[in-house]
Amino acid sequence: MLVELKRKSQVTIPSELVKKLKLKPGDKLEIEEKDGCLIITPVAVIPRNQMWFYSSEWQADEQKVDQQIREGRVKAAKSKEELLDGLGLTEL
């Protein structure tokens, strides 16, 4: 698609792409140059106090838990005592 560079270095993203990528006002876009081309990528900004969730270690553990859930290896305790007993712990 051909777009025109406007004043103040602005371009308009064609509406078909906005809809296809589900972009909305306020979304953040990363712009980088590679081999003479501009690459525009929608990004999500993550608050620093939530970055732990996106670490590779945390995500690997999340995948393990998801697999255990799919395999039916997760139990729900009906009481605190049942939870502690299931974990092999005794109430303090």
PDB file of N, CA and C in Angstrom:
ATOM      1  N   MET A   1       0.840  -1.177   0.000  1.00  0.00           N
ATOM      2  CA  MET A   1       0.000   0.000   0.000  1.00  0.00           C
ATOM      3  C   MET A   1       0.886   1.243   0.000  1.00  0.00           C
ATOM      4  N   LEU A   2       0.482   2.191  -0.728  1.00  0.00           N
ATOM      5  CA  LEU A   2       1.231   3.425  -0.838  1.00  0.00           C
ATOM      6  C   LEU A   2       0.583   4.480   0.063  1.00  0.00           C
ATOM      7  N   VAL A   3       1.401   5.092   0.932  1.00  0.00           N
ATOM      8  CA  VAL A   3       0.914   6.186   1.779  1.00  0.00           C
ATOM      9  C   VAL A   3       1.839   7.378   1.579  1.00  0.00           C
ATOM     10  N   GLU A   4       1.376   8.546   1.967  1.00  0.00           N
ATOM     11  CA  GLU A   4       2.141   9.778   1.783  1.00  0.00           C
ATOM     12  C   GLU A   4       2.658  10.282   3.118  1.00  0.00           C
ATOM     13  N   LEU A   5       3.914  10.721   3.122  1.00  0.00           N
ATOM     14  CA  LEU A   5       4.500  11.335   4.315  1.00  0.00           C
ATOM     15  C   LEU A   5       3.953  12.753   4.422  1.00  0.00           C
ATOM     16  N   LYS A   6       3.325  13.061   5.541  1.00  0.00           N
ATOM     17  CA  LYS A   6       2.687  14.370   5.764  1.00  0.00           C
ATOM     18  C   LYS A   6       3.621  15.287   6.547  1.00  0.00           C
ATOM     19  N   ARG A   7       3.100  16.469   6.827  1.00  0.00           N
ATOM     20  CA  ARG A   7       3.841  17.405   7.670  1.00  0.00           C
ATOM     21  C   ARG A   7       4.137  16.748   9.007  1.00  0.00           C
ATOM     22  N   LYS A   8       5.170  17.203   9.641  1.00  0.00           N
ATOM     23  CA  LYS A   8       5.579  16.681  10.944  1.00  0.00           C
ATOM     24  C   LYS A   8       5.874  15.191  10.877  1.00  0.00           C
ATOM     25  N   SER A   9       6.264  14.684   9.706  1.00  0.00           N
ATOM     26  CA  SER A   9       6.675  13.282   9.497  1.00  0.00           C
ATOM     27  C   SER A   9       5.577  12.284   9.829  1.00  0.00           C
ATOM     28  N   GLN A  10       4.328  12.625   9.594  1.00  0.00           N
ATOM     29  CA  GLN A  10       3.213  11.740   9.911  1.00  0.00           C
ATOM     30  C   GLN A  10       2.766  10.943   8.688  1.00  0.00           C
ATOM     31  N   VAL A  11       2.329   9.698   8.931  1.00  0.00           N
ATOM     32  CA  VAL A  11       1.707   8.883   7.893  1.00  0.00           C
ATOM     33  C   VAL A  11       0.398   8.340   8.451  1.00  0.00           C
ATOM     34  N   THR A  12      -0.525   8.013   7.569  1.00  0.00           N
ATOM     35  CA  THR A  12      -1.794   7.418   7.980  1.00  0.00           C
ATOM     36  C   THR A  12      -1.747   5.938   7.643  1.00  0.00           C
ATOM     37  N   ILE A  13      -2.052   5.106   8.641  1.00  0.00           N
ATOM     38  CA  ILE A  13      -2.116   3.665   8.408  1.00  0.00           C
ATOM     39  C   ILE A  13      -3.459   3.377   7.743  1.00  0.00           C
ATOM     40  N   PRO A  14      -3.451   2.697   6.603  1.00  0.00           N
ATOM     41  CA  PRO A  14      -4.715   2.407   5.907  1.00  0.00           C
ATOM     42  C   PRO A  14      -5.708   1.674   6.820  1.00  0.00           C
ATOM     43  N   SER A  15      -6.982   2.050   6.710  1.00  0.00           N
ATOM     44  CA  SER A  15      -8.023   1.518   7.596  1.00  0.00           C
ATOM     45  C   SER A  15      -8.120  -0.008   7.527  1.00  0.00           C
ATOM     46  N   GLU A  16      -7.843  -0.593   6.353  1.00  0.00           N
ATOM     47  CA  GLU A  16      -7.898  -2.067   6.250  1.00  0.00           C
ATOM     48  C   GLU A  16      -6.881  -2.718   7.190  1.00  0.00           C
ATOM     49  N   LEU A  17      -5.695  -2.113   7.287  1.00  0.00           N
ATOM     50  CA  LEU A  17      -4.666  -2.654   8.180  1.00  0.00           C
ATOM     51  C   LEU A  17      -5.011  -2.393   9.645  1.00  0.00           C
ATOM     52  N   VAL A  18      -5.582  -1.230   9.919  1.00  0.00           N
ATOM     53  CA  VAL A  18      -6.001  -0.913  11.295  1.00  0.00           C
ATOM     54  C   VAL A  18      -7.006  -1.955  11.760  1.00  0.00           C
ATOM     55  N   LYS A  19      -7.984  -2.278  10.916  1.00  0.00           N
ATOM     56  CA  LYS A  19      -8.999  -3.281  11.274  1.00  0.00           C
ATOM     57  C   LYS A  19      -8.388  -4.672  11.393  1.00  0.00           C
ATOM     58  N   LYS A  20      -7.563  -5.054  10.413  1.00  0.00           N
ATOM     59  CA  LYS A  20      -6.957  -6.389  10.408  1.00  0.00           C
ATOM     60  C   LYS A  20      -6.099  -6.621  11.650  1.00  0.00           C
ATOM     61  N   LEU A  21      -5.339  -5.601  12.049  1.00  0.00           N
ATOM     62  CA  LEU A  21      -4.452  -5.722  13.207  1.00  0.00           C
ATOM     63  C   LEU A  21      -5.127  -5.318  14.512  1.00  0.00           C
ATOM     64  N   LYS A  22      -6.416  -4.926  14.418  1.00  0.00           N
ATOM     65  CA  LYS A  22      -7.195  -4.527  15.595  1.00  0.00           C
ATOM     66  C   LYS A  22      -6.513  -3.411  16.378  1.00  0.00           C
ATOM     67  N   LEU A  23      -6.006  -2.424  15.639  1.00  0.00           N
ATOM     68  CA  LEU A  23      -5.364  -1.273  16.276  1.00  0.00           C
ATOM     69  C   LEU A  23      -6.424  -0.280  16.709  1.00  0.00           C
ATOM     70  N   LYS A  24      -6.103   0.470  17.753  1.00  0.00           N
ATOM     71  CA  LYS A  24      -7.028   1.501  18.219  1.00  0.00           C
ATOM     72  C   LYS A  24      -6.223   2.699  18.708  1.00  0.00           C
ATOM     73  N   PRO A  25      -6.847   3.868  18.786  1.00  0.00           N
ATOM     74  CA  PRO A  25      -6.129   5.058  19.239  1.00  0.00           C
ATOM     75  C   PRO A  25      -5.469   4.817  20.595  1.00  0.00           C
ATOM     76  N   GLY A  26      -4.230   5.262  20.714  1.00  0.00           N
ATOM     77  CA  GLY A  26      -3.486   5.083  21.960  1.00  0.00           C
ATOM     78  C   GLY A  26      -2.571   3.873  21.943  1.00  0.00           C
ATOM     79  N   ASP A  27      -2.751   2.951  20.988  1.00  0.00           N
ATOM     80  CA  ASP A  27      -1.855   1.796  20.887  1.00  0.00           C
ATOM     81  C   ASP A  27      -0.431   2.279  20.621  1.00  0.00           C
ATOM     82  N   LYS A  28       0.542   1.548  21.127  1.00  0.00           N
ATOM     83  CA  LYS A  28       1.948   1.871  20.926  1.00  0.00           C
ATOM     84  C   LYS A  28       2.475   1.080  19.729  1.00  0.00           C
ATOM     85  N   LEU A  29       3.289   1.748  18.907  1.00  0.00           N
ATOM     86  CA  LEU A  29       3.885   1.121  17.739  1.00  0.00           C
ATOM     87  C   LEU A  29       5.393   1.324  17.794  1.00  0.00           C
ATOM     88  N   GLU A  30       6.153   0.267  17.615  1.00  0.00           N
ATOM     89  CA  GLU A  30       7.608   0.374  17.556  1.00  0.00           C
ATOM     90  C   GLU A  30       7.997   0.544  16.095  1.00  0.00           C
ATOM     91  N   ILE A  31       8.859   1.509  15.828  1.00  0.00           N
ATOM     92  CA  ILE A  31       9.327   1.742  14.463  1.00  0.00           C
ATOM     93  C   ILE A  31      10.831   1.539  14.444  1.00  0.00           C
ATOM     94  N   GLU A  32      11.280   0.692  13.533  1.00  0.00           N
ATOM     95  CA  GLU A  32      12.711   0.464  13.386  1.00  0.00           C
ATOM     96  C   GLU A  32      13.082   0.493  11.911  1.00  0.00           C
ATOM     97  N   GLU A  33      14.338   0.779  11.663  1.00  0.00           N
ATOM     98  CA  GLU A  33      14.843   0.797  10.302  1.00  0.00           C
ATOM     99  C   GLU A  33      15.717  -0.425  10.113  1.00  0.00           C
ATOM    100  N   LYS A  34      15.497  -1.128   9.012  1.00  0.00           N
ATOM    101  CA  LYS A  34      16.318  -2.298   8.709  1.00  0.00           C
ATOM    102  C   LYS A  34      16.549  -2.345   7.206  1.00  0.00           C
ATOM    103  N   ASP A  35      17.788  -2.261   6.817  1.00  0.00           N
ATOM    104  CA  ASP A  35      18.172  -2.317   5.403  1.00  0.00           C
ATOM    105  C   ASP A  35      17.404  -1.301   4.559  1.00  0.00           C
ATOM    106  N   GLY A  36      17.245  -0.093   5.075  1.00  0.00           N
ATOM    107  CA  GLY A  36      16.571   0.963   4.324  1.00  0.00           C
ATOM    108  C   GLY A  36      15.055   0.893   4.353  1.00  0.00           C
ATOM    109  N   CYS A  37      14.481  -0.026   5.124  1.00  0.00           N
ATOM    110  CA  CYS A  37      13.021  -0.169   5.231  1.00  0.00           C
ATOM    111  C   CYS A  37      12.571   0.199   6.639  1.00  0.00           C
ATOM    112  N   LEU A  38      11.379   0.753   6.742  1.00  0.00           N
ATOM    113  CA  LEU A  38      10.783   1.020   8.048  1.00  0.00           C
ATOM    114  C   LEU A  38       9.892  -0.161   8.417  1.00  0.00           C
ATOM    115  N   ILE A  39      10.069  -0.656   9.620  1.00  0.00           N
ATOM    116  CA  ILE A  39       9.249  -1.762  10.120  1.00  0.00           C
ATOM    117  C   ILE A  39       8.459  -1.230  11.305  1.00  0.00           C
ATOM    118  N   ILE A  40       7.143  -1.314  11.218  1.00  0.00           N
ATOM    119  CA  ILE A  40       6.259  -0.823  12.277  1.00  0.00           C
ATOM    120  C   ILE A  40       5.590  -2.026  12.926  1.00  0.00           C
ATOM    121  N   THR A  41       5.777  -2.173  14.234  1.00  0.00           N
ATOM    122  CA  THR A  41       5.256  -3.322  14.957  1.00  0.00           C
ATOM    123  C   THR A  41       4.414  -2.871  16.147  1.00  0.00           C
ATOM    124  N   PRO A  42       3.149  -3.311  16.238  1.00  0.00           N
ATOM    125  CA  PRO A  42       2.362  -3.001  17.437  1.00  0.00           C
ATOM    126  C   PRO A  42       2.996  -3.679  18.659  1.00  0.00           C
ATOM    127  N   VAL A  43       3.056  -2.964  19.766  1.00  0.00           N
ATOM    128  CA  VAL A  43       3.645  -3.513  20.986  1.00  0.00           C
ATOM    129  C   VAL A  43       2.740  -3.250  22.181  1.00  0.00           C
ATOM    130  N   ALA A  44       2.904  -4.071  23.201  1.00  0.00           N
ATOM    131  CA  ALA A  44       2.223  -3.860  24.474  1.00  0.00           C
ATOM    132  C   ALA A  44       3.279  -3.409  25.479  1.00  0.00           C
ATOM    133  N   VAL A  45       2.999  -2.340  26.164  1.00  0.00           N
ATOM    134  CA  VAL A  45       3.917  -1.831  27.173  1.00  0.00           C
ATOM    135  C   VAL A  45       3.534  -2.472  28.505  1.00  0.00           C
ATOM    136  N   ILE A  46       4.512  -3.090  29.146  1.00  0.00           N
ATOM    137  CA  ILE A  46       4.274  -3.813  30.400  1.00  0.00           C
ATOM    138  C   ILE A  46       4.852  -3.005  31.557  1.00  0.00           C
ATOM    139  N   PRO A  47       4.040  -2.709  32.576  1.00  0.00           N
ATOM    140  CA  PRO A  47       4.572  -2.011  33.746  1.00  0.00           C
ATOM    141  C   PRO A  47       5.701  -2.832  34.382  1.00  0.00           C
ATOM    142  N   ARG A  48       6.725  -2.148  34.873  1.00  0.00           N
ATOM    143  CA  ARG A  48       7.888  -2.842  35.442  1.00  0.00           C
ATOM    144  C   ARG A  48       7.509  -3.802  36.566  1.00  0.00           C
ATOM    145  N   ASN A  49       6.505  -3.421  37.360  1.00  0.00           N
ATOM    146  CA  ASN A  49       6.151  -4.282  38.492  1.00  0.00           C
ATOM    147  C   ASN A  49       5.428  -5.554  38.042  1.00  0.00           C
ATOM    148  N   GLN A  50       5.167  -5.708  36.733  1.00  0.00           N
ATOM    149  CA  GLN A  50       4.535  -6.921  36.217  1.00  0.00           C
ATOM    150  C   GLN A  50       5.457  -7.690  35.276  1.00  0.00           C
ATOM    151  N   MET A  51       6.674  -7.233  35.092  1.00  0.00           N
ATOM    152  CA  MET A  51       7.583  -7.869  34.134  1.00  0.00           C
ATOM    153  C   MET A  51       7.976  -9.284  34.547  1.00  0.00           C
ATOM    154  N   TRP A  52       7.953  -9.599  35.834  1.00  0.00           N
ATOM    155  CA  TRP A  52       8.301 -10.948  36.289  1.00  0.00           C
ATOM    156  C   TRP A  52       7.454 -11.996  35.582  1.00  0.00           C
ATOM    157  N   PHE A  53       6.177 -11.655  35.308  1.00  0.00           N
ATOM    158  CA  PHE A  53       5.261 -12.617  34.696  1.00  0.00           C
ATOM    159  C   PHE A  53       5.711 -12.996  33.288  1.00  0.00           C
ATOM    160  N   TYR A  54       6.426 -12.126  32.626  1.00  0.00           N
ATOM    161  CA  TYR A  54       6.826 -12.350  31.246  1.00  0.00           C
ATOM    162  C   TYR A  54       8.238 -12.909  31.115  1.00  0.00           C
ATOM    163  N   SER A  55       8.892 -13.214  32.243  1.00  0.00           N
ATOM    164  CA  SER A  55      10.231 -13.802  32.170  1.00  0.00           C
ATOM    165  C   SER A  55      10.136 -15.203  31.575  1.00  0.00           C
ATOM    166  N   SER A  56      11.206 -15.643  30.929  1.00  0.00           N
ATOM    167  CA  SER A  56      11.190 -16.974  30.300  1.00  0.00           C
ATOM    168  C   SER A  56      10.997 -18.069  31.347  1.00  0.00           C
ATOM    169  N   GLU A  57      11.561 -17.892  32.538  1.00  0.00           N
ATOM    170  CA  GLU A  57      11.408 -18.899  33.589  1.00  0.00           C
ATOM    171  C   GLU A  57       9.943 -19.023  34.020  1.00  0.00           C
ATOM    172  N   TRP A  58       9.306 -17.866  34.245  1.00  0.00           N
ATOM    173  CA  TRP A  58       7.907 -17.887  34.691  1.00  0.00           C
ATOM    174  C   TRP A  58       7.020 -18.502  33.613  1.00  0.00           C
ATOM    175  N   GLN A  59       7.225 -18.120  32.377  1.00  0.00           N
ATOM    176  CA  GLN A  59       6.403 -18.635  31.290  1.00  0.00           C
ATOM    177  C   GLN A  59       6.605 -20.143  31.107  1.00  0.00           C
ATOM    178  N   ALA A  60       7.831 -20.642  31.308  1.00  0.00           N
ATOM    179  CA  ALA A  60       8.082 -22.087  31.232  1.00  0.00           C
ATOM    180  C   ALA A  60       7.299 -22.806  32.322  1.00  0.00           C
ATOM    181  N   ASP A  61       7.293 -22.243  33.534  1.00  0.00           N
ATOM    182  CA  ASP A  61       6.521 -22.844  34.621  1.00  0.00           C
ATOM    183  C   ASP A  61       5.021 -22.791  34.339  1.00  0.00           C
ATOM    184  N   GLU A  62       4.553 -21.696  33.736  1.00  0.00           N
ATOM    185  CA  GLU A  62       3.137 -21.589  33.364  1.00  0.00           C
ATOM    186  C   GLU A  62       2.762 -22.695  32.373  1.00  0.00           C
ATOM    187  N   GLN A  63       3.645 -22.985  31.422  1.00  0.00           N
ATOM    188  CA  GLN A  63       3.379 -24.035  30.443  1.00  0.00           C
ATOM    189  C   GLN A  63       3.299 -25.409  31.120  1.00  0.00           C
ATOM    190  N   LYS A  64       4.146 -25.640  32.113  1.00  0.00           N
ATOM    191  CA  LYS A  64       4.105 -26.903  32.861  1.00  0.00           C
ATOM    192  C   LYS A  64       2.768 -27.053  33.592  1.00  0.00           C
ATOM    193  N   VAL A  65       2.333 -25.977  34.222  1.00  0.00           N
ATOM    194  CA  VAL A  65       1.060 -26.013  34.950  1.00  0.00           C
ATOM    195  C   VAL A  65      -0.101 -26.229  33.985  1.00  0.00           C
ATOM    196  N   ASP A  66      -0.079 -25.544  32.842  1.00  0.00           N
ATOM    197  CA  ASP A  66      -1.134 -25.740  31.839  1.00  0.00           C
ATOM    198  C   ASP A  66      -1.200 -27.204  31.409  1.00  0.00           C
ATOM    199  N   GLN A  67      -0.038 -27.834  31.225  1.00  0.00           N
ATOM    200  CA  GLN A  67       0.006 -29.242  30.840  1.00  0.00           C
ATOM    201  C   GLN A  67      -0.585 -30.115  31.954  1.00  0.00           C
ATOM    202  N   GLN A  68      -0.254 -29.825  33.200  1.00  0.00           N
ATOM    203  CA  GLN A  68      -0.792 -30.583  34.322  1.00  0.00           C
ATOM    204  C   GLN A  68      -2.307 -30.440  34.400  1.00  0.00           C
ATOM    205  N   ILE A  69      -2.813 -29.251  34.123  1.00  0.00           N
ATOM    206  CA  ILE A  69      -4.269 -29.044  34.124  1.00  0.00           C
ATOM    207  C   ILE A  69      -4.909 -29.880  33.026  1.00  0.00           C
ATOM    208  N   ARG A  70      -4.320 -29.849  31.808  1.00  0.00           N
ATOM    209  CA  ARG A  70      -4.863 -30.642  30.695  1.00  0.00           C
ATOM    210  C   ARG A  70      -4.871 -32.135  31.022  1.00  0.00           C
ATOM    211  N   GLU A  71      -3.881 -32.586  31.771  1.00  0.00           N
ATOM    212  CA  GLU A  71      -3.771 -34.005  32.127  1.00  0.00           C
ATOM    213  C   GLU A  71      -4.623 -34.365  33.339  1.00  0.00           C
ATOM    214  N   GLY A  72      -5.311 -33.403  33.921  1.00  0.00           N
ATOM    215  CA  GLY A  72      -6.159 -33.669  35.080  1.00  0.00           C
ATOM    216  C   GLY A  72      -5.387 -33.918  36.355  1.00  0.00           C
ATOM    217  N   ARG A  73      -4.180 -33.391  36.447  1.00  0.00           N
ATOM    218  CA  ARG A  73      -3.333 -33.620  37.615  1.00  0.00           C
ATOM    219  C   ARG A  73      -3.461 -32.512  38.653  1.00  0.00           C
ATOM    220  N   VAL A  74      -4.558 -31.758  38.609  1.00  0.00           N
ATOM    221  CA  VAL A  74      -4.779 -30.654  39.546  1.00  0.00           C
ATOM    222  C   VAL A  74      -6.001 -30.970  40.388  1.00  0.00           C
ATOM    223  N   LYS A  75      -5.892 -30.725  41.674  1.00  0.00           N
ATOM    224  CA  LYS A  75      -7.014 -30.976  42.590  1.00  0.00           C
ATOM    225  C   LYS A  75      -7.448 -29.663  43.227  1.00  0.00           C
ATOM    226  N   ALA A  76      -8.713 -29.602  43.613  1.00  0.00           N
ATOM    227  CA  ALA A  76      -9.232 -28.440  44.335  1.00  0.00           C
ATOM    228  C   ALA A  76      -9.546 -28.864  45.762  1.00  0.00           C
ATOM    229  N   ALA A  77      -8.968 -28.145  46.705  1.00  0.00           N
ATOM    230  CA  ALA A  77      -9.220 -28.447  48.111  1.00  0.00           C
ATOM    231  C   ALA A  77     -10.500 -27.750  48.556  1.00  0.00           C
ATOM    232  N   LYS A  78     -11.259 -28.420  49.405  1.00  0.00           N
ATOM    233  CA  LYS A  78     -12.512 -27.849  49.908  1.00  0.00           C
ATOM    234  C   LYS A  78     -12.325 -27.092  51.220  1.00  0.00           C
ATOM    235  N   SER A  79     -11.151 -27.250  51.819  1.00  0.00           N
ATOM    236  CA  SER A  79     -10.885 -26.555  53.070  1.00  0.00           C
ATOM    237  C   SER A  79      -9.381 -26.344  53.204  1.00  0.00           C
ATOM    238  N   LYS A  80      -9.010 -25.484  54.146  1.00  0.00           N
ATOM    239  CA  LYS A  80      -7.600 -25.244  54.410  1.00  0.00           C
ATOM    240  C   LYS A  80      -6.928 -26.531  54.879  1.00  0.00           C
ATOM    241  N   GLU A  81      -7.632 -27.287  55.723  1.00  0.00           N
ATOM    242  CA  GLU A  81      -7.072 -28.531  56.234  1.00  0.00           C
ATOM    243  C   GLU A  81      -6.812 -29.530  55.110  1.00  0.00           C
ATOM    244  N   GLU A  82      -7.773 -29.630  54.164  1.00  0.00           N
ATOM    245  CA  GLU A  82      -7.614 -30.540  53.036  1.00  0.00           C
ATOM    246  C   GLU A  82      -6.447 -30.104  52.151  1.00  0.00           C
ATOM    247  N   LEU A  83      -6.271 -28.806  51.988  1.00  0.00           N
ATOM    248  CA  LEU A  83      -5.158 -28.283  51.199  1.00  0.00           C
ATOM    249  C   LEU A  83      -3.832 -28.653  51.840  1.00  0.00           C
ATOM    250  N   LEU A  84      -3.693 -28.362  53.128  1.00  0.00           N
ATOM    251  CA  LEU A  84      -2.452 -28.660  53.816  1.00  0.00           C
ATOM    252  C   LEU A  84      -2.170 -30.156  53.819  1.00  0.00           C
ATOM    253  N   ASP A  85      -3.203 -30.965  54.019  1.00  0.00           N
ATOM    254  CA  ASP A  85      -3.026 -32.421  54.003  1.00  0.00           C
ATOM    255  C   ASP A  85      -2.573 -32.897  52.615  1.00  0.00           C
ATOM    256  N   GLY A  86      -3.172 -32.350  51.572  1.00  0.00           N
ATOM    257  CA  GLY A  86      -2.797 -32.721  50.217  1.00  0.00           C
ATOM    258  C   GLY A  86      -1.380 -32.336  49.870  1.00  0.00           C
ATOM    259  N   LEU A  87      -0.864 -31.306  50.523  1.00  0.00           N
ATOM    260  CA  LEU A  87       0.516 -30.879  50.300  1.00  0.00           C
ATOM    261  C   LEU A  87       1.481 -31.603  51.227  1.00  0.00           C
ATOM    262  N   GLY A  88       0.950 -32.457  52.067  1.00  0.00           N
ATOM    263  CA  GLY A  88       1.802 -33.185  53.014  1.00  0.00           C
ATOM    264  C   GLY A  88       2.274 -32.322  54.163  1.00  0.00           C
ATOM    265  N   LEU A  89       1.513 -31.276  54.459  1.00  0.00           N
ATOM    266  CA  LEU A  89       1.863 -30.371  55.545  1.00  0.00           C
ATOM    267  C   LEU A  89       0.848 -30.505  56.661  1.00  0.00           C
ATOM    268  N   THR A  90       1.285 -30.183  57.839  1.00  0.00           N
ATOM    269  CA  THR A  90       0.347 -30.172  58.953  1.00  0.00           C
ATOM    270  C   THR A  90       0.110 -28.727  59.362  1.00  0.00           C
ATOM    271  N   GLU A  91      -1.073 -28.468  59.816  1.00  0.00           N
ATOM    272  CA  GLU A  91      -1.442 -27.115  60.233  1.00  0.00           C
ATOM    273  C   GLU A  91      -0.591 -26.703  61.421  1.00  0.00           C
ATOM    274  N   LEU A  92      -0.157 -25.459  61.404  1.00  0.00           N
ATOM    275  CA  LEU A  92       0.672 -24.954  62.512  1.00  0.00           C
ATOM    276  C   LEU A  92      -0.172 -24.537  63.680  1.00  0.00           C
TER     277      LEU A  92
END
